[in-house]
Amino acid sequence: MSRIKASVVITSYNKPEYLKRAIESCLIQDYANLEIIIADDNSPNPDVWNVINSYSDQRIISFNSFVKDEDRLKTARYATQINIAVREYSTGEYLFYLADDDYFYPKMITKMMEYALKFNYDVCFCAQHIVDTSGNIDGGGIEGRGVRFFSTILTRGADKLDHNQVMTSKKAFYDVGGWNDESWCWSGADAAFYDRLEKAGYLFYPIDTNEPLQAKMYRENSVQWNMTNGLSPTGEQS
C-alpha cells in the first residue's frame, strides 16, 4: 500500500502559533510514502517562514504565493493555493487537504488510504473532532458533542463535510477542474469543490470507523468566524 504516494496540502496564512502543530501532525503519520506541501499565501508575519524553514525533512515542499495585498480578495485564496499546490508541486496519487490551524491524528492517512485502495474509492471521509483553541473537545458537531461524522454514503458533501476530513484521488481533482476559487467562495470553497464532485457523479464514502481521525478548530478571526460576523475573510469590516 505504501507504494502509493499521498500528498497533503497545508494552506498557510499568518498563523505560526498553529502551523507548527499542523506540520508535526503530518510528520508523525505512520504512512510511509507521503509528501507535505506547505502553501503559504505571503504571510506578513516572518515567524511563519521561521517555522517552515526550521524543518529539514525531505518530505516537505513549500512555496510562497507572493500575492499582493490589493489582489488578496480577488479569489478565495486557500482554494487558489490548493490548486497551485496540486497542479505544480504534488506527485501523489491521493490528496489530503489541511488548514494551518487544524491537525491530523497519527493514523489518519493510513486508515483513509487503506479504505480508499481496498474499495477503489476516489472520495472518502473520516470522523472529525470539533475542538476549541486549547485543543479540548468542544461543541458544534453534528452527531454527538464535538464530533462531525455521517455514517452513510453521501451523494452530497457540501454543507456536511469540512475539507480537512476528506481525501480525494488526484484523478477526481482533475476531473472536476480542481477547486473553485472565485471570490464568492471565501467562506465555502470546500463546499463548492464538493458541488463539482457531486455533479460529476462522485460519491462521498465514510471510512468504516466513527473514531475521529482529524481535529477542526473553530476560533475567533478564522475565515468562518469573520464571514459569520459580517467581516471580510481577513477580518476587516465588509
C-alpha atoms as a PDB file:
ATOM      1  CA  MET A   1       0.000   0.000   0.000  1.00  0.00           C
ATOM      2  CA  SER A   2       2.757   2.448   0.872  1.00  0.00           C
ATOM      3  CA  ARG A   3       3.953   2.309  -2.724  1.00  0.00           C
ATOM      4  CA  ILE A   4       1.042   4.647  -3.452  1.00  0.00           C
ATOM      5  CA  LYS A   5       2.073   8.207  -2.649  1.00  0.00           C
ATOM      6  CA  ALA A   6      -0.204  10.550  -0.716  1.00  0.00           C
ATOM      7  CA  SER A   7       0.109  14.341  -0.846  1.00  0.00           C
ATOM      8  CA  VAL A   8      -1.005  16.633   1.978  1.00  0.00           C
ATOM      9  CA  VAL A   9      -1.598  20.280   1.090  1.00  0.00           C
ATOM     10  CA  ILE A  10      -1.340  22.599   4.108  1.00  0.00           C
ATOM     11  CA  THR A  11      -2.691  26.060   3.348  1.00  0.00           C
ATOM     12  CA  SER A  12      -0.917  28.661   5.468  1.00  0.00           C
ATOM     13  CA  TYR A  13      -1.567  32.305   6.266  1.00  0.00           C
ATOM     14  CA  ASN A  14      -0.137  34.185   9.214  1.00  0.00           C
ATOM     15  CA  LYS A  15      -0.709  31.632  11.978  1.00  0.00           C
ATOM     16  CA  PRO A  16       2.746  30.427  13.078  1.00  0.00           C
ATOM     17  CA  GLU A  17       1.399  29.509  16.519  1.00  0.00           C
ATOM     18  CA  TYR A  18      -0.769  26.805  14.910  1.00  0.00           C
ATOM     19  CA  LEU A  19       1.179  25.963  11.759  1.00  0.00           C
ATOM     20  CA  LYS A  20       3.861  24.022  13.639  1.00  0.00           C
ATOM     21  CA  ARG A  21       1.231  21.712  15.124  1.00  0.00           C
ATOM     22  CA  ALA A  22      -0.300  21.116  11.687  1.00  0.00           C
ATOM     23  CA  ILE A  23       3.084  20.237  10.175  1.00  0.00           C
ATOM     24  CA  GLU A  24       4.024  17.976  13.077  1.00  0.00           C
ATOM     25  CA  SER A  25       0.714  16.146  12.783  1.00  0.00           C
ATOM     26  CA  CYS A  26       1.681  15.225   9.217  1.00  0.00           C
ATOM     27  CA  LEU A  27       5.256  14.272  10.032  1.00  0.00           C
ATOM     28  CA  ILE A  28       4.168  11.761  12.694  1.00  0.00           C
ATOM     29  CA  GLN A  29       1.780   9.913  10.369  1.00  0.00           C
ATOM     30  CA  ASP A  30       2.516   6.199  10.188  1.00  0.00           C
ATOM     31  CA  TYR A  31       2.032   6.176   6.421  1.00  0.00           C
ATOM     32  CA  ALA A  32       5.428   5.914   4.729  1.00  0.00           C
ATOM     33  CA  ASN A  33       5.008   7.321   1.206  1.00  0.00           C
ATOM     34  CA  LEU A  34       3.969  10.863   1.978  1.00  0.00           C
ATOM     35  CA  GLU A  35       4.762  14.382   0.822  1.00  0.00           C
ATOM     36  CA  ILE A  36       3.720  17.551   2.644  1.00  0.00           C
ATOM     37  CA  ILE A  37       3.186  20.687   0.573  1.00  0.00           C
ATOM     38  CA  ILE A  38       3.012  23.924   2.585  1.00  0.00           C
ATOM     39  CA  ALA A  39       1.299  26.596   0.513  1.00  0.00           C
ATOM     40  CA  ASP A  40       1.892  29.924   2.243  1.00  0.00           C
ATOM     41  CA  ASP A  41      -0.107  32.897   0.999  1.00  0.00           C
ATOM     42  CA  ASN A  42       2.536  35.576   1.532  1.00  0.00           C
ATOM     43  CA  SER A  43       2.147  35.803   5.304  1.00  0.00           C
ATOM     44  CA  PRO A  44       3.319  39.180   6.657  1.00  0.00           C
ATOM     45  CA  ASN A  45       4.385  37.618   9.960  1.00  0.00           C
ATOM     46  CA  PRO A  46       8.009  36.463   9.499  1.00  0.00           C
ATOM     47  CA  ASP A  47       7.544  33.775  12.148  1.00  0.00           C
ATOM     48  CA  VAL A  48       5.533  31.751   9.618  1.00  0.00           C
ATOM     49  CA  TRP A  49       8.590  31.199   7.461  1.00  0.00           C
ATOM     50  CA  ASN A  50      10.779  30.768  10.525  1.00  0.00           C
ATOM     51  CA  VAL A  51       8.565  27.784  11.363  1.00  0.00           C
ATOM     52  CA  ILE A  52       8.603  26.410   7.814  1.00  0.00           C
ATOM     53  CA  ASN A  53      12.362  26.808   7.432  1.00  0.00           C
ATOM     54  CA  SER A  54      13.015  25.083  10.745  1.00  0.00           C
ATOM     55  CA  TYR A  55      12.282  21.728   9.084  1.00  0.00           C
ATOM     56  CA  SER A  56      14.772  19.778   7.017  1.00  0.00           C
ATOM     57  CA  ASP A  57      12.558  16.747   6.397  1.00  0.00           C
ATOM     58  CA  GLN A  58      12.804  15.834   2.724  1.00  0.00           C
ATOM     59  CA  ARG A  59       9.084  15.111   2.558  1.00  0.00           C
ATOM     60  CA  ILE A  60       8.298  18.801   2.981  1.00  0.00           C
ATOM     61  CA  ILE A  61       7.843  21.086  -0.026  1.00  0.00           C
ATOM     62  CA  SER A  62       6.954  24.746   0.494  1.00  0.00           C
ATOM     63  CA  PHE A  63       6.169  27.762  -1.618  1.00  0.00           C
ATOM     64  CA  ASN A  64       5.073  31.376  -1.176  1.00  0.00           C
ATOM     65  CA  SER A  65       2.373  32.888  -3.380  1.00  0.00           C
ATOM     66  CA  PHE A  66       3.787  36.427  -3.023  1.00  0.00           C
ATOM     67  CA  VAL A  67       0.254  37.668  -3.664  1.00  0.00           C
ATOM     68  CA  LYS A  68      -0.074  41.447  -3.398  1.00  0.00           C
ATOM     69  CA  ASP A  69      -2.388  42.893  -0.757  1.00  0.00           C
ATOM     70  CA  GLU A  70      -4.530  44.569  -3.400  1.00  0.00           C
ATOM     71  CA  ASP A  71      -5.104  41.198  -5.045  1.00  0.00           C
ATOM     72  CA  ARG A  72      -5.794  39.167  -1.927  1.00  0.00           C
ATOM     73  CA  LEU A  73      -9.591  39.380  -2.038  1.00  0.00           C
ATOM     74  CA  LYS A  74      -9.893  38.721  -5.767  1.00  0.00           C
ATOM     75  CA  THR A  75     -10.010  34.955  -5.229  1.00  0.00           C
ATOM     76  CA  ALA A  76     -10.710  32.545  -2.381  1.00  0.00           C
ATOM     77  CA  ARG A  77      -7.056  32.341  -1.563  1.00  0.00           C
ATOM     78  CA  TYR A  78      -6.915  28.957   0.151  1.00  0.00           C
ATOM     79  CA  ALA A  79      -8.609  27.387  -2.878  1.00  0.00           C
ATOM     80  CA  THR A  80      -6.178  29.179  -5.189  1.00  0.00           C
ATOM     81  CA  GLN A  81      -3.266  27.868  -3.138  1.00  0.00           C
ATOM     82  CA  ILE A  82      -4.609  24.312  -3.149  1.00  0.00           C
ATOM     83  CA  ASN A  83      -4.918  24.389  -6.929  1.00  0.00           C
ATOM     84  CA  ILE A  84      -1.342  25.625  -7.343  1.00  0.00           C
ATOM     85  CA  ALA A  85      -0.022  23.069  -4.856  1.00  0.00           C
ATOM     86  CA  VAL A  86      -1.704  20.160  -6.609  1.00  0.00           C
ATOM     87  CA  ARG A  87      -1.031  21.240 -10.180  1.00  0.00           C
ATOM     88  CA  GLU A  88       2.536  22.460  -9.794  1.00  0.00           C
ATOM     89  CA  TYR A  89       4.005  20.546  -6.854  1.00  0.00           C
ATOM     90  CA  SER A  90       2.074  17.403  -5.990  1.00  0.00           C
ATOM     91  CA  THR A  91       3.331  13.989  -7.105  1.00  0.00           C
ATOM     92  CA  GLY A  92       0.902  11.911  -5.032  1.00  0.00           C
ATOM     93  CA  GLU A  93      -1.988   9.862  -6.386  1.00  0.00           C
ATOM     94  CA  TYR A  94      -4.230  10.787  -3.452  1.00  0.00           C
ATOM     95  CA  LEU A  95      -4.761  14.215  -1.921  1.00  0.00           C
ATOM     96  CA  PHE A  96      -5.373  15.362   1.642  1.00  0.00           C
ATOM     97  CA  TYR A  97      -6.209  18.955   2.487  1.00  0.00           C
ATOM     98  CA  LEU A  98      -5.316  20.632   5.797  1.00  0.00           C
ATOM     99  CA  ALA A  99      -5.782  24.172   7.110  1.00  0.00           C
ATOM    100  CA  ASP A 100      -2.889  25.521   9.142  1.00  0.00           C
ATOM    101  CA  ASP A 101      -4.902  25.785  12.369  1.00  0.00           C
ATOM    102  CA  ASP A 102      -6.227  22.215  12.185  1.00  0.00           C
ATOM    103  CA  TYR A 103      -4.403  18.900  12.529  1.00  0.00           C
ATOM    104  CA  PHE A 104      -4.452  15.175  11.782  1.00  0.00           C
ATOM    105  CA  TYR A 105      -4.332  12.341  14.273  1.00  0.00           C
ATOM    106  CA  PRO A 106      -1.400   9.927  13.722  1.00  0.00           C
ATOM    107  CA  LYS A 107      -3.232   7.160  11.826  1.00  0.00           C
ATOM    108  CA  MET A 108      -5.382   9.417   9.638  1.00  0.00           C
ATOM    109  CA  ILE A 109      -3.596   8.853   6.344  1.00  0.00           C
ATOM    110  CA  THR A 110      -3.034   5.115   6.787  1.00  0.00           C
ATOM    111  CA  LYS A 111      -6.679   4.466   7.634  1.00  0.00           C
ATOM    112  CA  MET A 112      -8.000   6.638   4.807  1.00  0.00           C
ATOM    113  CA  MET A 113      -5.627   5.145   2.256  1.00  0.00           C
ATOM    114  CA  GLU A 114      -6.378   1.566   3.341  1.00  0.00           C
ATOM    115  CA  TYR A 115     -10.076   2.122   2.845  1.00  0.00           C
ATOM    116  CA  ALA A 116      -9.820   4.022  -0.454  1.00  0.00           C
ATOM    117  CA  LEU A 117      -7.479   1.451  -2.002  1.00  0.00           C
ATOM    118  CA  LYS A 118      -9.403  -1.570  -0.733  1.00  0.00           C
ATOM    119  CA  PHE A 119     -12.644  -0.385  -2.325  1.00  0.00           C
ATOM    120  CA  ASN A 120     -11.207   1.754  -5.144  1.00  0.00           C
ATOM    121  CA  TYR A 121     -12.886   4.915  -3.871  1.00  0.00           C
ATOM    122  CA  ASP A 122     -11.961   8.325  -5.287  1.00  0.00           C
ATOM    123  CA  VAL A 123     -13.530  10.320  -2.447  1.00  0.00           C
ATOM    124  CA  CYS A 124     -13.812   9.306   1.188  1.00  0.00           C
ATOM    125  CA  PHE A 125     -14.086  10.996   4.557  1.00  0.00           C
ATOM    126  CA  CYS A 126     -13.478  10.331   8.231  1.00  0.00           C
ATOM    127  CA  ALA A 127     -14.995  11.466  11.518  1.00  0.00           C
ATOM    128  CA  GLN A 128     -13.820  14.864  12.728  1.00  0.00           C
ATOM    129  CA  HIS A 129     -13.419  16.286  16.211  1.00  0.00           C
ATOM    130  CA  ILE A 130     -14.540  19.852  16.791  1.00  0.00           C
ATOM    131  CA  VAL A 131     -12.064  21.426  19.209  1.00  0.00           C
ATOM    132  CA  ASP A 132     -11.565  24.738  20.979  1.00  0.00           C
ATOM    133  CA  THR A 133      -8.416  26.823  20.721  1.00  0.00           C
ATOM    134  CA  SER A 134      -6.785  24.805  23.508  1.00  0.00           C
ATOM    135  CA  GLY A 135      -7.444  21.505  21.774  1.00  0.00           C
ATOM    136  CA  ASN A 136     -10.297  20.480  24.073  1.00  0.00           C
ATOM    137  CA  ILE A 137     -13.242  18.653  22.521  1.00  0.00           C
ATOM    138  CA  ASP A 138     -15.876  21.337  22.021  1.00  0.00           C
ATOM    139  CA  GLY A 139     -19.494  21.505  20.907  1.00  0.00           C
ATOM    140  CA  GLY A 140     -20.731  22.152  17.391  1.00  0.00           C
ATOM    141  CA  GLY A 141     -20.638  18.650  15.987  1.00  0.00           C
ATOM    142  CA  ILE A 142     -23.494  17.143  14.009  1.00  0.00           C
ATOM    143  CA  GLU A 143     -23.656  13.657  15.532  1.00  0.00           C
ATOM    144  CA  GLY A 144     -22.662  13.912  19.182  1.00  0.00           C
ATOM    145  CA  ARG A 145     -20.905  16.672  21.064  1.00  0.00           C
ATOM    146  CA  GLY A 146     -17.731  17.758  19.388  1.00  0.00           C
ATOM    147  CA  VAL A 147     -17.819  15.165  16.588  1.00  0.00           C
ATOM    148  CA  ARG A 148     -18.812  15.611  12.952  1.00  0.00           C
ATOM    149  CA  PHE A 149     -19.468  12.390  11.065  1.00  0.00           C
ATOM    150  CA  PHE A 150     -22.014  10.779   8.760  1.00  0.00           C
ATOM    151  CA  SER A 151     -22.139   7.004   8.766  1.00  0.00           C
ATOM    152  CA  THR A 152     -23.767   6.622   5.365  1.00  0.00           C
ATOM    153  CA  ILE A 153     -22.572   7.199   1.825  1.00  0.00           C
ATOM    154  CA  LEU A 154     -23.288  10.783   0.833  1.00  0.00           C
ATOM    155  CA  THR A 155     -24.299  11.920  -2.617  1.00  0.00           C
ATOM    156  CA  ARG A 156     -23.760  15.482  -1.428  1.00  0.00           C
ATOM    157  CA  GLY A 157     -20.776  16.552   0.631  1.00  0.00           C
ATOM    158  CA  ALA A 158     -21.385  20.304   0.505  1.00  0.00           C
ATOM    159  CA  ASP A 159     -22.580  21.808   3.796  1.00  0.00           C
ATOM    160  CA  LYS A 160     -21.883  18.499   5.551  1.00  0.00           C
ATOM    161  CA  LEU A 161     -18.134  17.853   5.331  1.00  0.00           C
ATOM    162  CA  ASP A 162     -15.147  20.010   6.171  1.00  0.00           C
ATOM    163  CA  HIS A 163     -12.247  19.892   3.746  1.00  0.00           C
ATOM    164  CA  ASN A 164      -9.814  18.605   6.389  1.00  0.00           C
ATOM    165  CA  GLN A 165     -11.758  15.362   6.778  1.00  0.00           C
ATOM    166  CA  VAL A 166     -11.958  14.488   3.077  1.00  0.00           C
ATOM    167  CA  MET A 167      -9.479  12.686   0.828  1.00  0.00           C
ATOM    168  CA  THR A 168      -9.749  12.678  -2.957  1.00  0.00           C
ATOM    169  CA  SER A 169      -7.835  10.975  -5.701  1.00  0.00           C
ATOM    170  CA  LYS A 170      -5.865  13.256  -7.955  1.00  0.00           C
ATOM    171  CA  LYS A 171      -7.986  11.870 -10.804  1.00  0.00           C
ATOM    172  CA  ALA A 172     -11.147  13.242  -9.157  1.00  0.00           C
ATOM    173  CA  PHE A 173      -9.448  16.601  -8.577  1.00  0.00           C
ATOM    174  CA  TYR A 174      -8.585  16.945 -12.260  1.00  0.00           C
ATOM    175  CA  ASP A 175     -11.887  15.526 -13.471  1.00  0.00           C
ATOM    176  CA  VAL A 176     -13.751  18.446 -11.894  1.00  0.00           C
ATOM    177  CA  GLY A 177     -11.182  21.142 -12.667  1.00  0.00           C
ATOM    178  CA  GLY A 178      -9.841  21.466  -9.136  1.00  0.00           C
ATOM    179  CA  TRP A 179     -11.260  23.826  -6.534  1.00  0.00           C
ATOM    180  CA  ASN A 180     -13.487  26.762  -7.423  1.00  0.00           C
ATOM    181  CA  ASP A 181     -11.583  29.815  -6.176  1.00  0.00           C
ATOM    182  CA  GLU A 182     -13.915  32.617  -7.231  1.00  0.00           C
ATOM    183  CA  SER A 183     -14.136  35.366  -4.612  1.00  0.00           C
ATOM    184  CA  TRP A 184     -17.671  34.418  -3.533  1.00  0.00           C
ATOM    185  CA  CYS A 185     -16.289  31.056  -2.340  1.00  0.00           C
ATOM    186  CA  TRP A 186     -14.275  32.509   0.553  1.00  0.00           C
ATOM    187  CA  SER A 187     -16.490  31.030   3.270  1.00  0.00           C
ATOM    188  CA  GLY A 188     -17.144  27.745   1.491  1.00  0.00           C
ATOM    189  CA  ALA A 189     -14.662  26.820  -1.204  1.00  0.00           C
ATOM    190  CA  ASP A 190     -14.709  23.247   0.062  1.00  0.00           C
ATOM    191  CA  ALA A 191     -18.492  23.128  -0.437  1.00  0.00           C
ATOM    192  CA  ALA A 192     -18.078  24.496  -3.965  1.00  0.00           C
ATOM    193  CA  PHE A 193     -15.475  21.784  -4.667  1.00  0.00           C
ATOM    194  CA  TYR A 194     -17.857  19.144  -3.350  1.00  0.00           C
ATOM    195  CA  ASP A 195     -20.587  20.519  -5.611  1.00  0.00           C
ATOM    196  CA  ARG A 196     -18.283  19.912  -8.548  1.00  0.00           C
ATOM    197  CA  LEU A 197     -17.618  16.358  -7.379  1.00  0.00           C
ATOM    198  CA  GLU A 198     -21.330  15.705  -6.895  1.00  0.00           C
ATOM    199  CA  LYS A 199     -22.217  16.990 -10.359  1.00  0.00           C
ATOM    200  CA  ALA A 200     -19.504  14.760 -11.834  1.00  0.00           C
ATOM    201  CA  GLY A 201     -21.121  11.726 -10.200  1.00  0.00           C
ATOM    202  CA  TYR A 202     -18.656  11.134  -7.376  1.00  0.00           C
ATOM    203  CA  LEU A 203     -19.964   9.718  -4.103  1.00  0.00           C
ATOM    204  CA  PHE A 204     -18.575  10.519  -0.642  1.00  0.00           C
ATOM    205  CA  TYR A 205     -17.731   7.315   1.231  1.00  0.00           C
ATOM    206  CA  PRO A 206     -17.306   7.199   5.033  1.00  0.00           C
ATOM    207  CA  ILE A 207     -14.476   5.024   6.238  1.00  0.00           C
ATOM    208  CA  ASP A 208     -15.567   2.111   8.412  1.00  0.00           C
ATOM    209  CA  THR A 209     -14.936   3.698  11.787  1.00  0.00           C
ATOM    210  CA  ASN A 210     -16.529   6.637  13.579  1.00  0.00           C
ATOM    211  CA  GLU A 211     -13.318   7.232  15.528  1.00  0.00           C
ATOM    212  CA  PRO A 212     -12.289  10.830  14.758  1.00  0.00           C
ATOM    213  CA  LEU A 213      -9.049  10.968  12.796  1.00  0.00           C
ATOM    214  CA  GLN A 214      -8.767  14.730  12.410  1.00  0.00           C
ATOM    215  CA  ALA A 215      -9.392  17.849  14.503  1.00  0.00           C
ATOM    216  CA  LYS A 216     -11.045  21.050  13.310  1.00  0.00           C
ATOM    217  CA  MET A 217     -10.563  24.173  15.401  1.00  0.00           C
ATOM    218  CA  TYR A 218     -13.095  26.968  15.202  1.00  0.00           C
ATOM    219  CA  ARG A 219     -11.528  30.131  16.543  1.00  0.00           C
ATOM    220  CA  GLU A 220     -12.157  33.838  16.648  1.00  0.00           C
ATOM    221  CA  ASN A 221     -10.968  35.581  13.472  1.00  0.00           C
ATOM    222  CA  SER A 222     -10.891  32.411  11.389  1.00  0.00           C
ATOM    223  CA  VAL A 223     -12.347  32.775   7.895  1.00  0.00           C
ATOM    224  CA  GLN A 224     -15.603  31.166   9.041  1.00  0.00           C
ATOM    225  CA  TRP A 225     -15.815  33.377  12.137  1.00  0.00           C
ATOM    226  CA  ASN A 226     -15.126  36.552  10.160  1.00  0.00           C
ATOM    227  CA  MET A 227     -17.701  35.767   7.484  1.00  0.00           C
ATOM    228  CA  THR A 228     -20.349  34.878  10.093  1.00  0.00           C
ATOM    229  CA  ASN A 229     -19.752  38.209  11.821  1.00  0.00           C
ATOM    230  CA  GLY A 230     -20.005  40.347   8.685  1.00  0.00           C
ATOM    231  CA  LEU A 231     -16.295  40.846   8.182  1.00  0.00           C
ATOM    232  CA  SER A 232     -14.125  40.188   5.176  1.00  0.00           C
ATOM    233  CA  PRO A 233     -12.145  36.922   5.235  1.00  0.00           C
ATOM    234  CA  THR A 234      -9.124  38.818   6.532  1.00  0.00           C
ATOM    235  CA  GLY A 235     -11.097  40.394   9.388  1.00  0.00           C
ATOM    236  CA  GLU A 236     -11.876  43.838   8.012  1.00  0.00           C
ATOM    237  CA  GLN A 237     -15.336  45.380   8.017  1.00  0.00           C
ATOM    238  CA  SER A 238     -17.214  44.368   4.858  1.00  0.00           C
END
